[in-house]
Amino acid sequence: ARAEAERMYSGQEFAMQIDSHSTFVPEWDEMMLRMWGGKFNNVPMICEAHMLDWSVRDMLKNTPGFSPMRPSPVRTPYFGAGLVFAKAHRLKSVAYDPHLHYLFDGEEFDMAMRLFTNGYDVYAPNETPLFHFYSSPQQNKKMGIQKFWDYQWGKRFPIMFESTRRIRHKVAIPEVMAQDPKINQTDLTDLGRYQNG
């Protein structure tokens, strides 16, 4: 979906990415430009993430954590897809891989790896321009909220695993690849375009 959204780009100077379940604070746009401040090099990103952990699918993913606010954005090794603000040239130079279908755990790791190896810096924001709604599976059921994995997941799950294999090809660590007996059953279409820098 993110790769599809990036195709709507039509020449703007900046690009911002959020998750759909987000609520903006008043004057969020001025806040983002204030944090950007023109003081960065040409390739920074402002986004929020805290730490990495291994998912049940054996893939690196972001996990909840706490970062105290600082007087200005702070460089970080983490990439969080729920809030991304950068010069729009990022959409061309490090575009989302459209071949990572139904991927959840691993999406942010893939993008962080590709951004850093293509010369981008990632900064954690020092202000809060939006709030991201998270709920547990129990809360989702009680409120009648369906997530994408609640719909036809039996069909989507094997496709998601093909996407994680694609990321393993990008990382190309022989020990990791050797653990997956289906590693050679991977769609490698355009892998060079969406590879590390």
C-alpha atoms as a PDB file:
ATOM      1  CA  ALA A   1       0.000   0.000   0.000  1.00  0.00           C
ATOM      2  CA  ARG A   2       2.840   2.441   0.780  1.00  0.00           C
ATOM      3  CA  ALA A   3       4.447   1.832  -2.610  1.00  0.00           C
ATOM      4  CA  GLU A   4       1.076   2.499  -4.236  1.00  0.00           C
ATOM      5  CA  ALA A   5       0.637   5.740  -2.261  1.00  0.00           C
ATOM      6  CA  GLU A   6       4.075   6.940  -3.381  1.00  0.00           C
ATOM      7  CA  ARG A   7       2.929   6.721  -7.005  1.00  0.00           C
ATOM      8  CA  MET A   8       0.625   9.694  -6.321  1.00  0.00           C
ATOM      9  CA  TYR A   9       3.632  12.015  -5.917  1.00  0.00           C
ATOM     10  CA  SER A  10       3.328  15.026  -8.210  1.00  0.00           C
ATOM     11  CA  GLY A  11       6.331  17.256  -7.575  1.00  0.00           C
ATOM     12  CA  GLN A  12       5.873  18.567  -4.016  1.00  0.00           C
ATOM     13  CA  GLU A  13       9.003  19.620  -2.095  1.00  0.00           C
ATOM     14  CA  PHE A  14       8.249  17.477   0.964  1.00  0.00           C
ATOM     15  CA  ALA A  15       6.533  14.130   1.463  1.00  0.00           C
ATOM     16  CA  MET A  16       4.878  12.907   4.640  1.00  0.00           C
ATOM     17  CA  GLN A  17       3.783   9.380   5.460  1.00  0.00           C
ATOM     18  CA  ILE A  18       1.527   8.338   8.333  1.00  0.00           C
ATOM     19  CA  ASP A  19      -0.576   5.355   9.340  1.00  0.00           C
ATOM     20  CA  SER A  20      -4.313   5.649   8.742  1.00  0.00           C
ATOM     21  CA  HIS A  21      -5.143   5.293  12.454  1.00  0.00           C
ATOM     22  CA  SER A  22      -3.558   8.628  13.430  1.00  0.00           C
ATOM     23  CA  THR A  23      -4.942  11.891  14.779  1.00  0.00           C
ATOM     24  CA  PHE A  24      -3.200  15.207  14.078  1.00  0.00           C
ATOM     25  CA  VAL A  25      -2.714  17.958  16.643  1.00  0.00           C
ATOM     26  CA  PRO A  26      -3.552  21.564  15.674  1.00  0.00           C
ATOM     27  CA  GLU A  27      -0.888  23.227  13.501  1.00  0.00           C
ATOM     28  CA  TRP A  28       0.884  19.907  12.864  1.00  0.00           C
ATOM     29  CA  ASP A  29       2.162  21.158   9.518  1.00  0.00           C
ATOM     30  CA  GLU A  30       3.923  24.155  11.068  1.00  0.00           C
ATOM     31  CA  MET A  31       5.350  21.828  13.721  1.00  0.00           C
ATOM     32  CA  MET A  32       6.860  19.506  11.087  1.00  0.00           C
ATOM     33  CA  LEU A  33       8.468  22.407   9.213  1.00  0.00           C
ATOM     34  CA  ARG A  34       9.760  23.853  12.500  1.00  0.00           C
ATOM     35  CA  MET A  35      11.414  20.546  13.361  1.00  0.00           C
ATOM     36  CA  TRP A  36      12.891  20.364   9.864  1.00  0.00           C
ATOM     37  CA  GLY A  37      14.118  23.937  10.284  1.00  0.00           C
ATOM     38  CA  GLY A  38      16.316  23.883   7.183  1.00  0.00           C
ATOM     39  CA  LYS A  39      19.297  23.011   9.379  1.00  0.00           C
ATOM     40  CA  PHE A  40      19.718  19.448   8.155  1.00  0.00           C
ATOM     41  CA  ASN A  41      21.633  18.121   5.204  1.00  0.00           C
ATOM     42  CA  ASN A  42      19.569  17.292   2.142  1.00  0.00           C
ATOM     43  CA  VAL A  43      18.861  13.693   3.126  1.00  0.00           C
ATOM     44  CA  PRO A  44      17.381  13.543   6.644  1.00  0.00           C
ATOM     45  CA  MET A  45      14.073  11.996   7.624  1.00  0.00           C
ATOM     46  CA  ILE A  46      12.042  12.822  10.706  1.00  0.00           C
ATOM     47  CA  CYS A  47      10.262   9.749  12.020  1.00  0.00           C
ATOM     48  CA  GLU A  48       9.554   7.965  15.263  1.00  0.00           C
ATOM     49  CA  ALA A  49      10.549   4.497  16.412  1.00  0.00           C
ATOM     50  CA  HIS A  50      12.126   3.202  19.585  1.00  0.00           C
ATOM     51  CA  MET A  51      13.893  -0.147  19.433  1.00  0.00           C
ATOM     52  CA  LEU A  52      14.146  -3.365  17.477  1.00  0.00           C
ATOM     53  CA  ASP A  53      13.176  -6.879  18.454  1.00  0.00           C
ATOM     54  CA  TRP A  54      12.621 -10.198  16.678  1.00  0.00           C
ATOM     55  CA  SER A  55       9.042 -10.990  15.723  1.00  0.00           C
ATOM     56  CA  VAL A  56       7.378 -14.392  15.883  1.00  0.00           C
ATOM     57  CA  ARG A  57       8.029 -14.552  12.123  1.00  0.00           C
ATOM     58  CA  ASP A  58      11.800 -14.339  12.686  1.00  0.00           C
ATOM     59  CA  MET A  59      11.976 -10.806  11.292  1.00  0.00           C
ATOM     60  CA  LEU A  60      13.271  -7.603  12.876  1.00  0.00           C
ATOM     61  CA  LYS A  61      10.497  -5.209  13.867  1.00  0.00           C
ATOM     62  CA  ASN A  62       9.986  -2.075  15.946  1.00  0.00           C
ATOM     63  CA  THR A  63       8.648  -2.494  19.466  1.00  0.00           C
ATOM     64  CA  PRO A  64       7.068   0.029  21.829  1.00  0.00           C
ATOM     65  CA  GLY A  65       9.391   2.056  23.977  1.00  0.00           C
ATOM     66  CA  PHE A  66       9.894   5.497  25.450  1.00  0.00           C
ATOM     67  CA  SER A  67      12.040   8.355  24.192  1.00  0.00           C
ATOM     68  CA  PRO A  68      12.229  11.513  26.268  1.00  0.00           C
ATOM     69  CA  MET A  69      11.658  14.724  24.301  1.00  0.00           C
ATOM     70  CA  ARG A  70      14.772  16.712  23.489  1.00  0.00           C
ATOM     71  CA  PRO A  71      15.253  20.375  22.499  1.00  0.00           C
ATOM     72  CA  SER A  72      15.745  19.389  18.849  1.00  0.00           C
ATOM     73  CA  PRO A  73      15.357  16.272  16.673  1.00  0.00           C
ATOM     74  CA  VAL A  74      17.919  13.572  17.549  1.00  0.00           C
ATOM     75  CA  ARG A  75      19.615  11.249  15.080  1.00  0.00           C
ATOM     76  CA  THR A  76      18.494   7.649  15.576  1.00  0.00           C
ATOM     77  CA  PRO A  77      19.159   4.239  13.984  1.00  0.00           C
ATOM     78  CA  TYR A  78      15.432   3.394  13.971  1.00  0.00           C
ATOM     79  CA  PHE A  79      12.839   4.015  11.255  1.00  0.00           C
ATOM     80  CA  GLY A  80       9.149   4.155  12.116  1.00  0.00           C
ATOM     81  CA  ALA A  81       6.689   4.041   9.209  1.00  0.00           C
ATOM     82  CA  GLY A  82       3.839   5.654  11.204  1.00  0.00           C
ATOM     83  CA  LEU A  83       5.356   9.146  10.871  1.00  0.00           C
ATOM     84  CA  VAL A  84       7.849  10.026   8.145  1.00  0.00           C
ATOM     85  CA  PHE A  85       8.637  13.535   6.898  1.00  0.00           C
ATOM     86  CA  ALA A  86      11.387  14.235   4.382  1.00  0.00           C
ATOM     87  CA  LYS A  87      12.331  15.959   1.168  1.00  0.00           C
ATOM     88  CA  ALA A  88      10.289  14.275  -1.530  1.00  0.00           C
ATOM     89  CA  HIS A  89      13.341  13.109  -3.474  1.00  0.00           C
ATOM     90  CA  ARG A  90      13.348  10.143  -1.070  1.00  0.00           C
ATOM     91  CA  LEU A  91      10.332   8.791  -2.959  1.00  0.00           C
ATOM     92  CA  LYS A  92      12.490   8.330  -6.044  1.00  0.00           C
ATOM     93  CA  SER A  93      15.865   7.455  -4.562  1.00  0.00           C
ATOM     94  CA  VAL A  94      14.628   4.987  -1.884  1.00  0.00           C
ATOM     95  CA  ALA A  95      11.103   4.040  -2.923  1.00  0.00           C
ATOM     96  CA  TYR A  96       9.051   1.456  -1.061  1.00  0.00           C
ATOM     97  CA  ASP A  97       9.482  -2.027  -2.496  1.00  0.00           C
ATOM     98  CA  PRO A  98       6.134  -2.877  -4.185  1.00  0.00           C
ATOM     99  CA  HIS A  99       6.924  -6.601  -4.005  1.00  0.00           C
ATOM    100  CA  LEU A 100       6.585  -6.862  -0.204  1.00  0.00           C
ATOM    101  CA  HIS A 101       2.938  -7.935  -0.181  1.00  0.00           C
ATOM    102  CA  TYR A 102       1.134  -8.106   3.178  1.00  0.00           C
ATOM    103  CA  LEU A 103       4.372  -7.511   5.038  1.00  0.00           C
ATOM    104  CA  PHE A 104       4.009  -6.131   8.565  1.00  0.00           C
ATOM    105  CA  ASP A 105       6.998  -7.277  10.611  1.00  0.00           C
ATOM    106  CA  GLY A 106      10.063  -6.290   8.601  1.00  0.00           C
ATOM    107  CA  GLU A 107       8.736  -3.334   6.593  1.00  0.00           C
ATOM    108  CA  GLU A 108      10.465  -0.760   8.793  1.00  0.00           C
ATOM    109  CA  PHE A 109      13.673  -2.763   9.048  1.00  0.00           C
ATOM    110  CA  ASP A 110      13.813  -3.031   5.233  1.00  0.00           C
ATOM    111  CA  MET A 111      13.325   0.707   4.780  1.00  0.00           C
ATOM    112  CA  ALA A 112      15.813   1.630   7.544  1.00  0.00           C
ATOM    113  CA  MET A 113      18.459  -0.608   6.012  1.00  0.00           C
ATOM    114  CA  ARG A 114      17.930   0.872   2.554  1.00  0.00           C
ATOM    115  CA  LEU A 115      17.781   4.489   3.775  1.00  0.00           C
ATOM    116  CA  PHE A 116      21.020   4.275   5.749  1.00  0.00           C
ATOM    117  CA  THR A 117      22.885   2.487   2.965  1.00  0.00           C
ATOM    118  CA  ASN A 118      21.740   5.199   0.540  1.00  0.00           C
ATOM    119  CA  GLY A 119      23.039   8.057   2.706  1.00  0.00           C
ATOM    120  CA  TYR A 120      19.898   9.119   4.560  1.00  0.00           C
ATOM    121  CA  ASP A 121      19.890  10.086   8.241  1.00  0.00           C
ATOM    122  CA  VAL A 122      16.855   9.458  10.449  1.00  0.00           C
ATOM    123  CA  TYR A 123      15.914  11.803  13.303  1.00  0.00           C
ATOM    124  CA  ALA A 124      13.415  11.283  16.103  1.00  0.00           C
ATOM    125  CA  PRO A 125      11.057  14.279  16.426  1.00  0.00           C
ATOM    126  CA  ASN A 126      11.230  16.576  19.419  1.00  0.00           C
ATOM    127  CA  GLU A 127       7.538  17.509  19.194  1.00  0.00           C
ATOM    128  CA  THR A 128       4.385  15.401  18.807  1.00  0.00           C
ATOM    129  CA  PRO A 129       2.507  16.298  15.593  1.00  0.00           C
ATOM    130  CA  LEU A 130       0.121  13.355  15.784  1.00  0.00           C
ATOM    131  CA  PHE A 131      -1.075  10.512  17.942  1.00  0.00           C
ATOM    132  CA  HIS A 132      -1.118   6.936  16.729  1.00  0.00           C
ATOM    133  CA  PHE A 133      -4.018   4.750  17.854  1.00  0.00           C
ATOM    134  CA  TYR A 134      -2.917   1.308  19.018  1.00  0.00           C
ATOM    135  CA  SER A 135      -5.221  -1.306  20.449  1.00  0.00           C
ATOM    136  CA  SER A 136      -4.863  -4.881  21.596  1.00  0.00           C
ATOM    137  CA  PRO A 137      -6.586  -7.789  19.820  1.00  0.00           C
ATOM    138  CA  GLN A 138      -9.054  -7.921  22.739  1.00  0.00           C
ATOM    139  CA  GLN A 139      -9.844  -4.184  22.362  1.00  0.00           C
ATOM    140  CA  ASN A 140     -10.214  -4.601  18.592  1.00  0.00           C
ATOM    141  CA  LYS A 141     -12.773  -7.371  19.069  1.00  0.00           C
ATOM    142  CA  LYS A 142     -14.703  -5.409  21.702  1.00  0.00           C
ATOM    143  CA  MET A 143     -14.808  -2.273  19.496  1.00  0.00           C
ATOM    144  CA  GLY A 144     -15.443  -4.178  16.252  1.00  0.00           C
ATOM    145  CA  ILE A 145     -12.181  -3.016  14.681  1.00  0.00           C
ATOM    146  CA  GLN A 146     -10.814  -5.294  11.977  1.00  0.00           C
ATOM    147  CA  LYS A 147      -7.143  -5.203  11.015  1.00  0.00           C
ATOM    148  CA  PHE A 148      -5.852  -6.277   7.618  1.00  0.00           C
ATOM    149  CA  TRP A 149      -4.714  -9.630   9.021  1.00  0.00           C
ATOM    150  CA  ASP A 150      -8.280 -10.374  10.180  1.00  0.00           C
ATOM    151  CA  TYR A 151      -9.483 -10.657   6.574  1.00  0.00           C
ATOM    152  CA  GLN A 152      -8.547 -13.741   4.516  1.00  0.00           C
ATOM    153  CA  TRP A 153      -5.315 -14.164   6.495  1.00  0.00           C
ATOM    154  CA  GLY A 154      -5.194 -17.863   5.615  1.00  0.00           C
ATOM    155  CA  LYS A 155      -4.610 -16.817   1.987  1.00  0.00           C
ATOM    156  CA  ARG A 156      -2.413 -13.821   2.798  1.00  0.00           C
ATOM    157  CA  PHE A 157      -0.099 -15.473   5.318  1.00  0.00           C
ATOM    158  CA  PRO A 158       1.892 -17.539   2.756  1.00  0.00           C
ATOM    159  CA  ILE A 159       2.253 -14.403   0.588  1.00  0.00           C
ATOM    160  CA  MET A 160       3.588 -12.487   3.600  1.00  0.00           C
ATOM    161  CA  PHE A 161       6.226 -15.184   4.112  1.00  0.00           C
ATOM    162  CA  GLU A 162       7.349 -14.734   0.499  1.00  0.00           C
ATOM    163  CA  SER A 163       7.882 -11.052   1.333  1.00  0.00           C
ATOM    164  CA  THR A 164      10.038 -11.898   4.360  1.00  0.00           C
ATOM    165  CA  ARG A 165      12.128 -14.154   2.125  1.00  0.00           C
ATOM    166  CA  ARG A 166      12.656 -11.232  -0.236  1.00  0.00           C
ATOM    167  CA  ILE A 167      14.069  -9.201   2.668  1.00  0.00           C
ATOM    168  CA  ARG A 168      16.355 -12.100   3.571  1.00  0.00           C
ATOM    169  CA  HIS A 169      17.728 -11.947   0.021  1.00  0.00           C
ATOM    170  CA  LYS A 170      18.417  -8.229   0.523  1.00  0.00           C
ATOM    171  CA  VAL A 171      20.290  -8.865   3.763  1.00  0.00           C
ATOM    172  CA  ALA A 172      22.078 -11.826   2.127  1.00  0.00           C
ATOM    173  CA  ILE A 173      23.485 -13.367   5.297  1.00  0.00           C
ATOM    174  CA  PRO A 174      24.162 -17.007   4.334  1.00  0.00           C
ATOM    175  CA  GLU A 175      23.346 -18.340   7.828  1.00  0.00           C
ATOM    176  CA  VAL A 176      19.929 -16.643   7.780  1.00  0.00           C
ATOM    177  CA  MET A 177      19.127 -17.767   4.257  1.00  0.00           C
ATOM    178  CA  ALA A 178      20.203 -21.347   4.984  1.00  0.00           C
ATOM    179  CA  GLN A 179      17.578 -21.616   7.755  1.00  0.00           C
ATOM    180  CA  ASP A 180      14.716 -21.254   5.261  1.00  0.00           C
ATOM    181  CA  PRO A 181      14.134 -24.340   3.080  1.00  0.00           C
ATOM    182  CA  LYS A 182      11.995 -22.257   0.678  1.00  0.00           C
ATOM    183  CA  ILE A 183      14.497 -19.398   0.279  1.00  0.00           C
ATOM    184  CA  ASN A 184      14.886 -20.125  -3.444  1.00  0.00           C
ATOM    185  CA  GLN A 185      11.127 -19.860  -3.985  1.00  0.00           C
ATOM    186  CA  THR A 186      11.262 -16.069  -3.790  1.00  0.00           C
ATOM    187  CA  ASP A 187      10.068 -13.438  -6.250  1.00  0.00           C
ATOM    188  CA  LEU A 188      13.222 -11.443  -6.987  1.00  0.00           C
ATOM    189  CA  THR A 189      11.569  -9.101  -9.508  1.00  0.00           C
ATOM    190  CA  ASP A 190      13.354  -5.708  -9.533  1.00  0.00           C
ATOM    191  CA  LEU A 191      15.412  -6.740  -6.483  1.00  0.00           C
ATOM    192  CA  GLY A 192      18.336  -4.597  -7.670  1.00  0.00           C
ATOM    193  CA  ARG A 193      16.146  -1.474  -7.701  1.00  0.00           C
ATOM    194  CA  TYR A 194      14.966  -2.098  -4.118  1.00  0.00           C
ATOM    195  CA  GLN A 195      18.291  -3.392  -2.761  1.00  0.00           C
ATOM    196  CA  ASN A 196      20.591  -1.778  -0.225  1.00  0.00           C
ATOM    197  CA  GLY A 197      22.763   1.102  -1.403  1.00  0.00           C
END
